[in-house]
Amino acid sequence: SSSVGLNSLQDKNEAMIFPNPFTDQTVLKTSIEMSNANLLITNNLGQTEKTYYGLSGNSFTISKGSLSNGIYIYQLVEENEIKGSGRFIIND
């Protein structure tokens, strides 16, 4: 049954943010092409700070905008399923 685990890992979307930490903007890249996905950004308390809707492709720019310095968690959601998640840091 270990091969099943390996196969499911290979099917999993890899998401990477670079640069991280960042000051103005960063890029989220995914290994799987997204279609009509949403990107939710939450703070350490789990409160949604920013949401990007209707994303397609595999490279997305995240702008600091009104976000304060700190640690944030992102979730890339497609068809009600989390396709990628992780953290990033904003510092000036």
C-alpha atoms as a PDB file:
ATOM      1  CA  SER A   1       0.000   0.000   0.000  1.00  0.00           C
ATOM      2  CA  SER A   2       3.034   2.293   0.172  1.00  0.00           C
ATOM      3  CA  SER A   3       2.925   2.766  -3.618  1.00  0.00           C
ATOM      4  CA  VAL A   4      -0.546   4.296  -3.292  1.00  0.00           C
ATOM      5  CA  GLY A   5       0.905   6.924  -0.955  1.00  0.00           C
ATOM      6  CA  LEU A   6       3.692   7.673  -3.417  1.00  0.00           C
ATOM      7  CA  ASN A   7       1.227   8.048  -6.294  1.00  0.00           C
ATOM      8  CA  SER A   8      -0.989  10.407  -4.347  1.00  0.00           C
ATOM      9  CA  LEU A   9       2.044  12.519  -3.459  1.00  0.00           C
ATOM     10  CA  GLN A  10       2.964  12.819  -7.126  1.00  0.00           C
ATOM     11  CA  ASP A  11      -0.571  13.959  -7.978  1.00  0.00           C
ATOM     12  CA  LYS A  12      -0.459  16.656  -5.311  1.00  0.00           C
ATOM     13  CA  ASN A  13      -0.043  20.215  -6.500  1.00  0.00           C
ATOM     14  CA  GLU A  14       3.233  21.841  -5.524  1.00  0.00           C
ATOM     15  CA  ALA A  15       2.873  25.530  -4.684  1.00  0.00           C
ATOM     16  CA  MET A  16       5.828  27.829  -4.112  1.00  0.00           C
ATOM     17  CA  ILE A  17       6.079  31.510  -3.208  1.00  0.00           C
ATOM     18  CA  PHE A  18       9.121  33.548  -4.192  1.00  0.00           C
ATOM     19  CA  PRO A  19      10.440  35.823  -2.871  1.00  0.00           C
ATOM     20  CA  ASN A  20       9.477  35.000   0.711  1.00  0.00           C
ATOM     21  CA  PRO A  21       9.687  37.162   2.821  1.00  0.00           C
ATOM     22  CA  PHE A  22       8.729  40.077   0.565  1.00  0.00           C
ATOM     23  CA  THR A  23       7.994  43.787   0.857  1.00  0.00           C
ATOM     24  CA  ASP A  24       5.753  44.811  -2.094  1.00  0.00           C
ATOM     25  CA  GLN A  25       4.742  41.722  -4.052  1.00  0.00           C
ATOM     26  CA  THR A  26       5.545  38.062  -4.535  1.00  0.00           C
ATOM     27  CA  VAL A  27       4.685  35.326  -7.034  1.00  0.00           C
ATOM     28  CA  LEU A  28       2.862  32.076  -6.239  1.00  0.00           C
ATOM     29  CA  LYS A  29       3.692  29.336  -8.751  1.00  0.00           C
ATOM     30  CA  THR A  30       1.893  26.002  -8.951  1.00  0.00           C
ATOM     31  CA  SER A  31       2.847  22.741 -10.649  1.00  0.00           C
ATOM     32  CA  ILE A  32      -0.734  22.159 -11.817  1.00  0.00           C
ATOM     33  CA  GLU A  33      -2.690  24.537 -14.062  1.00  0.00           C
ATOM     34  CA  MET A  34      -5.512  26.159 -12.082  1.00  0.00           C
ATOM     35  CA  SER A  35      -8.912  27.026 -13.537  1.00  0.00           C
ATOM     36  CA  ASN A  36     -11.267  29.492 -11.825  1.00  0.00           C
ATOM     37  CA  ALA A  37      -9.469  29.060  -8.495  1.00  0.00           C
ATOM     38  CA  ASN A  38      -9.653  31.344  -5.454  1.00  0.00           C
ATOM     39  CA  LEU A  39      -6.679  32.403  -3.348  1.00  0.00           C
ATOM     40  CA  LEU A  40      -7.494  33.080   0.320  1.00  0.00           C
ATOM     41  CA  ILE A  41      -5.009  34.891   2.527  1.00  0.00           C
ATOM     42  CA  THR A  42      -5.539  34.699   6.275  1.00  0.00           C
ATOM     43  CA  ASN A  43      -3.663  36.064   9.273  1.00  0.00           C
ATOM     44  CA  ASN A  44      -2.409  34.033  12.243  1.00  0.00           C
ATOM     45  CA  LEU A  45      -5.831  34.332  13.899  1.00  0.00           C
ATOM     46  CA  GLY A  46      -7.512  32.681  10.910  1.00  0.00           C
ATOM     47  CA  GLN A  47      -9.189  35.896   9.763  1.00  0.00           C
ATOM     48  CA  THR A  48      -9.395  36.366   5.991  1.00  0.00           C
ATOM     49  CA  GLU A  49      -7.340  39.413   5.018  1.00  0.00           C
ATOM     50  CA  LYS A  50      -7.546  39.203   1.224  1.00  0.00           C
ATOM     51  CA  THR A  51      -9.139  37.015  -1.446  1.00  0.00           C
ATOM     52  CA  TYR A  52      -8.356  36.744  -5.149  1.00  0.00           C
ATOM     53  CA  TYR A  53     -11.205  35.233  -7.222  1.00  0.00           C
ATOM     54  CA  GLY A  54     -11.340  33.464 -10.595  1.00  0.00           C
ATOM     55  CA  LEU A  55      -7.633  32.704 -11.011  1.00  0.00           C
ATOM     56  CA  SER A  56      -6.492  30.613 -13.955  1.00  0.00           C
ATOM     57  CA  GLY A  57      -3.009  29.501 -14.950  1.00  0.00           C
ATOM     58  CA  ASN A  58      -0.064  28.533 -12.755  1.00  0.00           C
ATOM     59  CA  SER A  59       1.542  31.844 -11.758  1.00  0.00           C
ATOM     60  CA  PHE A  60      -0.159  34.463  -9.572  1.00  0.00           C
ATOM     61  CA  THR A  61       1.104  37.765  -8.193  1.00  0.00           C
ATOM     62  CA  ILE A  62       0.265  38.603  -4.573  1.00  0.00           C
ATOM     63  CA  SER A  63       0.533  42.308  -3.727  1.00  0.00           C
ATOM     64  CA  LYS A  64       1.107  43.616  -0.210  1.00  0.00           C
ATOM     65  CA  GLY A  65      -1.566  46.281  -0.645  1.00  0.00           C
ATOM     66  CA  SER A  66      -3.105  46.988   2.753  1.00  0.00           C
ATOM     67  CA  LEU A  67      -1.582  43.923   4.452  1.00  0.00           C
ATOM     68  CA  SER A  68       0.541  44.722   7.503  1.00  0.00           C
ATOM     69  CA  ASN A  69       3.936  43.207   8.227  1.00  0.00           C
ATOM     70  CA  GLY A  70       3.591  39.690   9.582  1.00  0.00           C
ATOM     71  CA  ILE A  71       3.052  36.025   8.809  1.00  0.00           C
ATOM     72  CA  TYR A  72       0.157  34.995   6.563  1.00  0.00           C
ATOM     73  CA  ILE A  73      -1.301  31.679   5.452  1.00  0.00           C
ATOM     74  CA  TYR A  74      -2.517  31.163   1.895  1.00  0.00           C
ATOM     75  CA  GLN A  75      -4.888  28.561   0.510  1.00  0.00           C
ATOM     76  CA  LEU A  76      -5.420  28.034  -3.196  1.00  0.00           C
ATOM     77  CA  VAL A  77      -8.902  26.554  -3.632  1.00  0.00           C
ATOM     78  CA  GLU A  78     -10.340  25.040  -6.817  1.00  0.00           C
ATOM     79  CA  GLU A  79     -13.792  23.410  -6.907  1.00  0.00           C
ATOM     80  CA  ASN A  80     -14.025  23.530  -3.074  1.00  0.00           C
ATOM     81  CA  GLU A  81     -10.760  21.581  -2.708  1.00  0.00           C
ATOM     82  CA  ILE A  82      -7.515  23.025  -1.334  1.00  0.00           C
ATOM     83  CA  LYS A  83      -4.961  22.649  -4.141  1.00  0.00           C
ATOM     84  CA  GLY A  84      -2.084  24.385  -2.393  1.00  0.00           C
ATOM     85  CA  SER A  85      -1.304  26.065   0.899  1.00  0.00           C
ATOM     86  CA  GLY A  86       1.569  27.527   2.820  1.00  0.00           C
ATOM     87  CA  ARG A  87       2.836  30.631   4.564  1.00  0.00           C
ATOM     88  CA  PHE A  88       4.543  33.810   3.603  1.00  0.00           C
ATOM     89  CA  ILE A  89       6.036  36.738   5.487  1.00  0.00           C
ATOM     90  CA  ILE A  90       5.704  40.434   4.739  1.00  0.00           C
ATOM     91  CA  ASN A  91       8.335  42.771   6.135  1.00  0.00           C
ATOM     92  CA  ASP A  92       9.441  46.243   5.105  1.00  0.00           C
END
